[in-house]
Amino acid sequence: MLFKPSLLAAALLAATASAAPTANTTTISTGNSSSNGSITILLGSYTSSIFTLDFTPPTTVEAGDGKLVRGFSLTAGLNPSWVFLHPTLENIVYAAQENTNGSVIVGRLSEGGKKLEVLGETSTGGSFPAHAVVSKDGSTLLAANYGSGSAIAIPLDSNGLFLNSTVNATSDGTSPYLYTFPFVPTTTPLRDVTRQEASHPHQLIEVGSDREFLVNDLGQDKIWKLKLVGEGASLTWELVVGLELTGDEGGGPRHALVSNDTTNIYVLNELFPVLTHSQIPSFNASSNSSTQPTTLVSKTSVLPPPALNPLPQNTTAASAELLLINTLPLKTIVASTRRIVDRPSDALAFFDLKEDGGIELKQFAFPRQGKEFRAVGATEDGKWVVAAGQTDGWVSVFGQTTNGTWIEVVQDQIQLESPTHVLFI
């Protein structure tokens, strides 16, 4: 069973059945080169625009002579913070609008990403949708409403457009498309009562082939497993199980990678910036237990020294993005940081993913400028990693040298306005 970092990715190499995580479907993208050898990058933002950049790779990683050129600002509503492609339809792109009245737009890219035609918009039935994705079969758009503690399933037609002009979803959970998560506060003294005062779903990950999704709930230190039932107008959610992240209390799960057989999960916590590896228990939908504990295998800080591990409860640092990239001989997991106070820039933490499923921290990489790396992405071939600072807007590109070290490959950085997500097209 091989790694599947995105629906558009080719099969990756040298994976094992138990250790093969599936990255979220928009983190790692194709990164196709244009006729002049450049690669087009889209960046979501906390503005009214999706930005484009043209990246020309260096002659060699060590030469560091890559180029970044600012392209176009594509008008895309308000706060199009998470941008993602349809898994099968060319040039169909979506953006989650992270606002009090959350919504998603759908559009068509043309001229190599120079133009965006908005084709429709629909409500997510809640507030501040932080993540969204289209199901593997292309039939449904799923969004996680971080602010209102819900997830929504929006039917799509054969052209990738919203099946209904509105899904009639309301925050009280009356719509069959909307699932509102139950909230039971954890009793751990490590709980952050200001950030874990309610359910806060932060990411949806499709697992297996039975229309099941794992949902990271930052507010409850829990991973929910939901299943889509029905089609079109009869579409609805069914709760399978809630996974308690044992040994990780108060961490606040933000993003995760999951093995194809759903036996291993790698969770990046936001509140205590650590990467955990846990084993998921076997279960079935007919079980009488609505929650089950995971088994913690390892727990590693993603903050560079001299940060403490474990971290004090009042730490201001946090984590942001997690992705799996196609490197040899071992696959690489990358975790990004936010708000490190004792350094001029934030960091990327690079981990080896071993054949037995274990993880090992190999390196921290620091750009010359860049604070709060919420926007991080990689080309499908694993050659280039882009990180953009949400706070200061500086964009950096990293490549891996022949000895395995990740270094910056663009000397002249580009600065954007509040970038939040990276997508290669």
Protein backbone atom coordinates (compact mmCIF):
# COMPACT_ATOMS: atom_id res chain seq x y z
CA MET A 1 0.00 0.00 0.00
CA LEU A 2 1.70 3.20 -1.15
CA PHE A 3 1.70 6.79 0.00
CA LYS A 4 -1.06 8.91 -1.51
CA PRO A 5 -0.16 12.55 -0.76
CA SER A 6 -2.75 13.91 -3.18
CA LEU A 7 -5.33 12.78 -5.66
CA LEU A 8 -3.24 14.24 -8.46
CA ALA A 9 0.04 12.73 -7.32
CA ALA A 10 1.71 9.74 -8.90
CA ALA A 11 2.36 6.79 -6.60
CA LEU A 12 5.31 7.46 -4.32
CA LEU A 13 8.14 5.01 -3.79
CA ALA A 14 9.48 2.83 -0.98
CA ALA A 15 6.43 2.92 1.31
CA THR A 16 5.19 0.24 3.66
CA ALA A 17 1.60 -0.74 4.31
CA SER A 18 1.45 0.37 7.94
CA ALA A 19 3.51 3.53 7.57
CA ALA A 20 1.99 5.02 4.45
CA PRO A 21 0.25 8.29 5.36
CA THR A 22 -2.20 10.07 3.13
CA ALA A 23 -1.58 13.81 3.10
CA ASN A 24 -4.53 16.14 2.69
CA THR A 25 -5.46 16.46 -0.94
CA THR A 26 -4.45 20.06 -1.41
CA THR A 27 -1.16 20.31 0.44
CA ILE A 28 0.94 18.60 -2.23
CA SER A 29 0.10 19.50 -5.80
CA THR A 30 1.34 18.91 -9.29
CA GLY A 31 3.69 21.84 -9.78
CA ASN A 32 3.77 21.42 -13.55
CA SER A 33 6.36 23.46 -15.42
CA SER A 34 5.36 25.90 -18.14
CA SER A 35 7.03 26.01 -21.53
CA ASN A 36 9.73 28.34 -20.18
CA GLY A 37 10.54 26.03 -17.25
CA SER A 38 8.80 28.07 -14.57
CA ILE A 39 6.23 26.73 -12.11
CA THR A 40 3.04 28.62 -11.23
CA ILE A 41 2.09 28.91 -7.56
CA LEU A 42 -1.24 30.10 -6.15
CA LEU A 43 -1.36 31.55 -2.65
CA GLY A 44 -4.53 32.04 -0.63
CA SER A 45 -4.59 35.03 1.68
CA TYR A 46 -6.35 37.10 4.30
CA THR A 47 -7.16 39.72 1.66
CA SER A 48 -9.62 39.78 -1.25
CA SER A 49 -7.14 38.09 -3.60
CA ILE A 50 -5.49 34.84 -4.56
CA PHE A 51 -1.92 35.69 -5.57
CA THR A 52 0.19 34.02 -8.24
CA LEU A 53 3.95 33.58 -8.33
CA ASP A 54 6.20 32.20 -11.07
CA PHE A 55 9.07 30.09 -9.75
CA THR A 56 12.05 29.26 -11.95
CA PRO A 57 14.07 26.46 -10.32
CA PRO A 58 17.82 26.93 -9.80
CA THR A 59 20.39 25.32 -12.05
CA THR A 60 21.34 23.22 -9.01
CA VAL A 61 20.13 23.38 -5.41
CA GLU A 62 23.61 24.36 -4.26
CA ALA A 63 23.79 27.19 -6.82
CA GLY A 64 20.78 28.87 -5.19
CA ASP A 65 20.01 30.87 -8.33
CA GLY A 66 16.26 30.21 -8.50
CA LYS A 67 13.89 33.07 -9.27
CA LEU A 68 10.52 34.15 -7.90
CA VAL A 69 8.43 36.66 -9.87
CA ARG A 70 5.18 38.12 -8.59
CA GLY A 71 2.37 37.44 -11.02
CA PHE A 72 -1.28 38.39 -10.73
CA SER A 73 -3.78 39.19 -8.00
CA LEU A 74 -6.96 37.22 -8.71
CA THR A 75 -10.07 38.71 -7.11
CA ALA A 76 -11.68 35.95 -5.03
CA GLY A 77 -14.14 37.32 -2.49
CA LEU A 78 -12.95 38.00 1.06
CA ASN A 79 -10.26 36.02 2.90
CA PRO A 80 -9.82 33.14 0.41
CA SER A 81 -7.49 31.47 2.90
CA TRP A 82 -7.56 27.85 1.65
CA VAL A 83 -7.27 27.22 -2.10
CA PHE A 84 -7.63 23.76 -3.66
CA LEU A 85 -8.25 22.00 -6.98
CA HIS A 86 -10.93 19.58 -8.11
CA PRO A 87 -9.32 16.10 -8.14
CA THR A 88 -10.26 15.29 -11.75
CA LEU A 89 -11.55 18.41 -13.53
CA GLU A 90 -8.83 20.53 -15.08
CA ASN A 91 -8.62 24.21 -14.06
CA ILE A 92 -11.54 24.02 -11.59
CA VAL A 93 -10.43 25.64 -8.34
CA TYR A 94 -12.12 26.39 -5.02
CA ALA A 95 -11.38 28.77 -2.16
CA ALA A 96 -12.75 28.69 1.38
CA GLN A 97 -13.76 32.17 2.54
CA GLU A 98 -12.70 32.31 6.18
CA ASN A 99 -15.26 34.77 7.57
CA THR A 100 -18.03 34.96 10.16
CA ASN A 101 -20.48 33.92 7.44
CA GLY A 102 -18.34 31.20 5.92
CA SER A 103 -18.57 30.34 2.25
CA VAL A 104 -16.77 28.61 -0.60
CA ILE A 105 -16.32 29.90 -4.14
CA VAL A 106 -15.71 27.83 -7.25
CA GLY A 107 -13.92 29.19 -10.28
CA ARG A 108 -12.13 28.34 -13.51
CA LEU A 109 -8.48 29.19 -14.06
CA SER A 110 -7.24 30.12 -17.51
CA GLU A 111 -4.11 31.38 -19.23
CA GLY A 112 -1.87 29.42 -16.91
CA GLY A 113 -3.35 30.91 -13.75
CA LYS A 114 -3.43 34.51 -14.98
CA LYS A 115 -7.23 34.69 -14.90
CA LEU A 116 -9.89 33.39 -12.53
CA GLU A 117 -13.56 33.31 -13.49
CA VAL A 118 -15.74 32.88 -10.41
CA LEU A 119 -18.54 30.46 -11.28
CA GLY A 120 -20.44 30.22 -8.00
CA GLU A 121 -20.47 30.66 -4.24
CA THR A 122 -22.27 28.83 -1.47
CA SER A 123 -22.49 28.96 2.32
CA THR A 124 -20.60 26.54 4.55
CA GLY A 125 -23.36 26.82 7.13
CA GLY A 126 -21.01 28.11 9.80
CA SER A 127 -18.18 30.47 10.62
CA PHE A 128 -14.50 30.65 9.69
CA PRO A 129 -14.06 27.55 7.50
CA ALA A 130 -10.32 26.86 7.92
CA HIS A 131 -10.10 23.87 5.58
CA ALA A 132 -12.00 22.35 2.69
CA VAL A 133 -11.48 19.58 0.16
CA VAL A 134 -13.29 17.78 -2.68
CA SER A 135 -13.92 14.06 -2.18
CA LYS A 136 -11.84 11.60 -4.20
CA ASP A 137 -14.77 10.77 -6.47
CA GLY A 138 -15.36 14.46 -7.21
CA SER A 139 -18.99 14.36 -6.07
CA THR A 140 -18.84 16.37 -2.85
CA LEU A 141 -17.09 19.37 -1.36
CA LEU A 142 -16.37 19.12 2.38
CA ALA A 143 -15.57 22.09 4.63
CA ALA A 144 -14.61 22.34 8.31
CA ASN A 145 -16.15 25.34 10.11
CA TYR A 146 -13.54 26.12 12.74
CA GLY A 147 -15.55 28.91 14.36
CA SER A 148 -18.87 27.12 14.76
CA GLY A 149 -17.76 23.53 15.37
CA SER A 150 -19.30 21.87 12.32
CA ALA A 151 -18.53 20.17 9.02
CA ILE A 152 -20.56 20.44 5.85
CA ALA A 153 -20.94 18.28 2.77
CA ILE A 154 -21.91 20.19 -0.39
CA PRO A 155 -23.00 18.15 -3.44
CA LEU A 156 -21.29 18.96 -6.76
CA ASP A 157 -22.48 18.41 -10.31
CA SER A 158 -20.45 16.79 -13.08
CA ASN A 159 -18.79 20.12 -13.87
CA GLY A 160 -17.62 20.62 -10.29
CA LEU A 161 -20.21 23.33 -9.61
CA PHE A 162 -22.44 23.45 -6.54
CA LEU A 163 -25.46 21.27 -7.17
CA ASN A 164 -27.78 23.72 -5.42
CA SER A 165 -27.55 27.50 -5.47
CA THR A 166 -27.67 27.31 -1.70
CA VAL A 167 -27.37 24.37 0.64
CA ASN A 168 -29.74 25.99 3.13
CA ALA A 169 -27.34 25.11 5.92
CA THR A 170 -27.85 26.80 9.26
CA SER A 171 -25.64 26.95 12.31
CA ASP A 172 -28.23 25.16 14.47
CA GLY A 173 -27.55 21.95 12.57
CA THR A 174 -30.95 21.65 10.88
CA SER A 175 -29.47 20.97 7.44
CA PRO A 176 -28.74 17.30 6.63
CA TYR A 177 -25.56 18.52 4.91
CA LEU A 178 -24.23 19.93 8.18
CA TYR A 179 -22.83 17.96 11.11
CA THR A 180 -22.32 19.82 14.39
CA PHE A 181 -19.82 18.14 16.68
CA PRO A 182 -20.77 17.40 20.28
CA PHE A 183 -18.59 19.23 22.78
CA VAL A 184 -17.41 17.66 26.03
CA PRO A 185 -14.52 19.65 27.54
CA THR A 186 -11.49 17.63 28.49
CA THR A 187 -10.66 17.47 32.17
CA THR A 188 -6.89 17.71 31.76
CA PRO A 189 -5.20 20.66 33.52
CA LEU A 190 -3.26 21.19 30.28
CA ARG A 191 -6.41 22.29 28.48
CA ASP A 192 -6.21 25.84 27.08
CA VAL A 193 -9.56 27.22 28.23
CA THR A 194 -9.30 30.22 25.87
CA ARG A 195 -8.73 28.10 22.74
CA GLN A 196 -10.45 24.86 23.74
CA GLU A 197 -13.73 26.35 24.91
CA ALA A 198 -15.69 24.70 22.07
CA SER A 199 -15.33 22.27 19.20
CA HIS A 200 -12.94 23.64 16.56
CA PRO A 201 -12.61 21.31 13.53
CA HIS A 202 -9.49 22.28 11.59
CA GLN A 203 -9.02 19.71 8.81
CA LEU A 204 -10.82 16.93 6.92
CA ILE A 205 -8.91 13.90 5.60
CA GLU A 206 -10.58 11.30 3.38
CA VAL A 207 -9.51 7.77 4.33
CA GLY A 208 -10.13 4.50 2.53
CA SER A 209 -12.67 4.06 -0.24
CA ASP A 210 -15.91 4.12 1.75
CA ARG A 211 -16.49 7.92 1.86
CA GLU A 212 -15.12 8.23 5.38
CA PHE A 213 -13.33 11.30 6.72
CA LEU A 214 -11.19 12.03 9.75
CA VAL A 215 -11.70 15.51 11.23
CA ASN A 216 -9.12 17.11 13.53
CA ASP A 217 -10.84 18.90 16.41
CA LEU A 218 -8.44 21.40 17.99
CA GLY A 219 -10.95 22.29 20.68
CA GLN A 220 -11.28 18.77 22.08
CA ASP A 221 -7.95 16.98 21.44
CA LYS A 222 -9.94 14.55 19.35
CA ILE A 223 -10.11 13.10 15.84
CA TRP A 224 -13.66 12.45 14.63
CA LYS A 225 -14.46 9.84 12.00
CA LEU A 226 -17.51 10.67 9.87
CA LYS A 227 -19.08 8.88 6.94
CA LEU A 228 -21.04 10.34 4.03
CA VAL A 229 -24.34 8.59 3.40
CA GLY A 230 -26.65 9.10 0.41
CA GLU A 231 -26.31 11.18 -2.74
CA GLY A 232 -27.31 14.64 -3.93
CA ALA A 233 -30.25 16.09 -2.04
CA SER A 234 -30.33 13.07 0.31
CA LEU A 235 -26.68 13.44 1.32
CA THR A 236 -26.01 13.42 5.06
CA TRP A 237 -23.36 12.59 7.69
CA GLU A 238 -23.05 9.61 10.01
CA LEU A 239 -20.72 9.55 13.04
CA VAL A 240 -18.49 6.46 13.16
CA VAL A 241 -16.26 7.12 16.17
CA GLY A 242 -14.36 9.78 18.09
CA LEU A 243 -10.66 9.10 18.71
CA GLU A 244 -9.22 10.45 21.95
CA LEU A 245 -5.57 11.52 21.48
CA THR A 246 -4.20 9.81 24.59
CA GLY A 247 -0.90 11.25 25.83
CA ASP A 248 -1.45 14.43 23.88
CA GLU A 249 -3.86 16.32 26.14
CA GLY A 250 -4.06 20.06 25.61
CA GLY A 251 -2.12 19.88 22.34
CA GLY A 252 -4.84 21.07 19.99
CA PRO A 253 -4.66 18.88 16.84
CA ARG A 254 -4.43 21.11 13.76
CA HIS A 255 -3.31 18.98 10.78
CA ALA A 256 -2.54 15.29 10.36
CA LEU A 257 -1.30 12.55 8.05
CA VAL A 258 -2.90 9.10 8.14
CA SER A 259 -1.68 5.71 6.94
CA ASN A 260 -3.69 4.15 4.14
CA ASP A 261 -4.81 1.35 6.44
CA THR A 262 -5.75 3.97 9.11
CA THR A 263 -3.60 2.28 11.75
CA ASN A 264 -1.09 5.14 12.18
CA ILE A 265 -1.72 8.87 12.50
CA TYR A 266 0.80 11.72 12.62
CA VAL A 267 -0.70 14.80 14.27
CA LEU A 268 0.69 18.33 14.31
CA ASN A 269 -0.53 20.17 17.40
CA GLU A 270 -1.03 23.91 17.31
CA LEU A 271 -1.21 24.78 21.00
CA PHE A 272 1.74 22.65 22.13
CA PRO A 273 3.84 22.63 18.92
CA VAL A 274 4.73 18.95 18.72
CA LEU A 275 4.41 16.22 16.09
CA THR A 276 2.96 13.03 17.52
CA HIS A 277 2.84 9.54 16.08
CA SER A 278 -0.02 7.43 17.44
CA GLN A 279 -1.58 4.08 16.64
CA ILE A 280 -5.30 4.06 15.89
CA PRO A 281 -7.32 1.22 17.44
CA SER A 282 -9.35 -1.11 15.27
CA PHE A 283 -13.07 -0.52 15.50
CA ASN A 284 -16.27 -0.83 13.54
CA ALA A 285 -19.41 1.24 13.19
CA SER A 286 -21.46 -1.26 15.20
CA SER A 287 -19.34 -0.76 18.34
CA ASN A 288 -21.24 0.49 21.38
CA SER A 289 -18.41 2.91 22.23
CA SER A 290 -18.61 6.36 20.64
CA THR A 291 -15.02 7.21 21.61
CA GLN A 292 -11.80 5.18 21.67
CA PRO A 293 -8.25 6.09 22.76
CA THR A 294 -5.21 6.14 20.51
CA THR A 295 -1.82 4.78 21.62
CA LEU A 296 1.01 7.31 21.66
CA VAL A 297 4.21 6.08 19.98
CA SER A 298 6.32 9.25 19.92
CA LYS A 299 6.08 12.97 20.56
CA THR A 300 8.65 15.44 19.15
CA SER A 301 8.82 19.22 19.43
CA VAL A 302 8.74 21.07 16.09
CA LEU A 303 10.35 24.13 17.68
CA PRO A 304 14.11 24.60 17.32
CA PRO A 305 16.34 24.70 20.42
CA PRO A 306 16.39 26.17 22.97
CA ALA A 307 12.62 25.65 23.05
CA LEU A 308 11.55 23.27 25.79
CA ASN A 309 9.96 19.88 25.23
CA PRO A 310 7.43 19.63 26.76
CA LEU A 311 6.58 23.28 26.35
CA PRO A 312 5.21 25.49 29.13
CA GLN A 313 1.48 26.04 28.99
CA ASN A 314 1.79 29.78 28.34
CA THR A 315 4.01 29.44 25.27
CA THR A 316 3.25 31.91 22.47
CA ALA A 317 4.74 29.71 19.75
CA ALA A 318 2.50 27.50 17.67
CA SER A 319 2.58 25.20 14.65
CA ALA A 320 0.73 25.50 11.36
CA GLU A 321 1.19 23.22 8.34
CA LEU A 322 2.04 19.55 7.92
CA LEU A 323 2.85 17.83 4.64
CA LEU A 324 4.36 14.67 3.22
CA ILE A 325 6.83 15.02 0.36
CA ASN A 326 8.24 12.53 -2.10
CA THR A 327 11.92 12.26 -1.29
CA LEU A 328 14.38 9.38 -1.52
CA PRO A 329 15.42 7.09 0.04
CA LEU A 330 12.90 7.90 2.80
CA LYS A 331 9.82 10.04 2.59
CA THR A 332 9.93 13.40 4.39
CA ILE A 333 7.38 15.01 6.71
CA VAL A 334 7.57 18.79 7.01
CA ALA A 335 6.05 20.78 9.88
CA SER A 336 5.99 24.58 10.05
CA THR A 337 6.08 26.91 13.04
CA ARG A 338 4.53 30.23 14.00
CA ARG A 339 5.44 33.01 16.42
CA ILE A 340 8.88 31.85 17.59
CA VAL A 341 9.95 34.79 19.71
CA ASP A 342 13.71 34.28 20.03
CA ARG A 343 14.58 34.18 16.31
CA PRO A 344 14.23 36.60 13.37
CA SER A 345 12.26 34.00 11.38
CA ASP A 346 10.12 30.97 12.01
CA ALA A 347 11.29 27.49 11.04
CA LEU A 348 10.49 24.37 9.07
CA ALA A 349 11.11 21.04 10.81
CA PHE A 350 12.05 18.14 8.50
CA PHE A 351 11.44 14.55 9.65
CA ASP A 352 12.41 11.24 8.06
CA LEU A 353 9.49 8.83 7.83
CA LYS A 354 11.01 5.41 8.41
CA GLU A 355 9.89 2.21 6.75
CA ASP A 356 8.55 0.91 10.08
CA GLY A 357 6.36 4.00 10.46
CA GLY A 358 8.55 5.80 12.97
CA ILE A 359 9.66 9.41 12.56
CA GLU A 360 13.02 11.05 13.22
CA LEU A 361 13.76 14.77 13.31
CA LYS A 362 16.57 15.49 10.83
CA GLN A 363 16.82 19.26 10.41
CA PHE A 364 15.43 22.72 11.09
CA ALA A 365 15.53 25.12 8.14
CA PHE A 366 15.39 28.90 8.58
CA PRO A 367 14.78 31.46 5.82
CA ARG A 368 16.38 34.87 5.99
CA GLN A 369 12.92 36.40 6.50
CA GLY A 370 9.53 34.88 7.26
CA LYS A 371 7.24 34.91 10.28
CA GLU A 372 4.27 32.64 10.93
CA PHE A 373 4.53 29.94 8.28
CA ARG A 374 0.87 29.20 7.77
CA ALA A 375 1.38 28.88 3.99
CA VAL A 376 3.55 25.87 3.13
CA GLY A 377 3.44 23.56 0.13
CA ALA A 378 5.61 21.32 -2.05
CA THR A 379 5.83 20.18 -5.63
CA GLU A 380 4.62 16.65 -6.27
CA ASP A 381 8.10 15.40 -7.07
CA GLY A 382 9.32 16.63 -3.68
CA LYS A 383 12.05 18.85 -5.09
CA TRP A 384 10.82 22.23 -3.86
CA VAL A 385 9.16 23.40 -0.65
CA VAL A 386 7.61 26.88 -0.48
CA ALA A 387 6.96 28.66 2.81
CA ALA A 388 5.26 32.05 3.16
CA GLY A 389 4.98 34.08 6.34
CA GLN A 390 1.43 35.19 7.12
CA THR A 391 2.63 38.04 9.34
CA ASP A 392 5.35 39.62 7.20
CA GLY A 393 4.48 38.13 3.79
CA TRP A 394 7.97 36.95 2.83
CA VAL A 395 8.06 33.88 0.55
CA SER A 396 10.96 31.39 0.61
CA VAL A 397 11.77 28.33 -1.51
CA PHE A 398 13.82 25.39 -0.24
CA GLY A 399 15.48 22.52 -2.07
CA GLN A 400 17.39 19.44 -0.90
CA THR A 401 21.13 19.22 -1.52
CA THR A 402 22.92 16.04 -2.55
CA ASN A 403 23.81 15.39 1.10
CA GLY A 404 20.16 15.69 2.15
CA THR A 405 20.20 19.19 3.69
CA TRP A 406 17.39 21.61 2.86
CA ILE A 407 18.54 25.13 1.93
CA GLU A 408 17.04 28.25 0.36
CA VAL A 409 17.32 28.29 -3.44
CA VAL A 410 15.99 31.81 -4.15
CA GLN A 411 18.08 34.77 -3.05
CA ASP A 412 15.59 37.55 -3.84
CA GLN A 413 12.50 36.86 -1.75
CA ILE A 414 9.03 38.07 -2.74
CA GLN A 415 6.71 39.77 -0.26
CA LEU A 416 2.92 39.32 -0.39
CA GLU A 417 -0.01 40.47 1.74
CA SER A 418 -1.03 37.96 4.47
CA PRO A 419 -0.47 34.69 2.55
CA THR A 420 -2.18 31.67 4.14
CA HIS A 421 -1.92 28.71 1.75
CA VAL A 422 0.29 27.41 -1.08
CA LEU A 423 -1.01 25.52 -4.12
CA PHE A 424 1.07 24.50 -7.14
CA ILE A 425 -0.75 24.30 -10.49
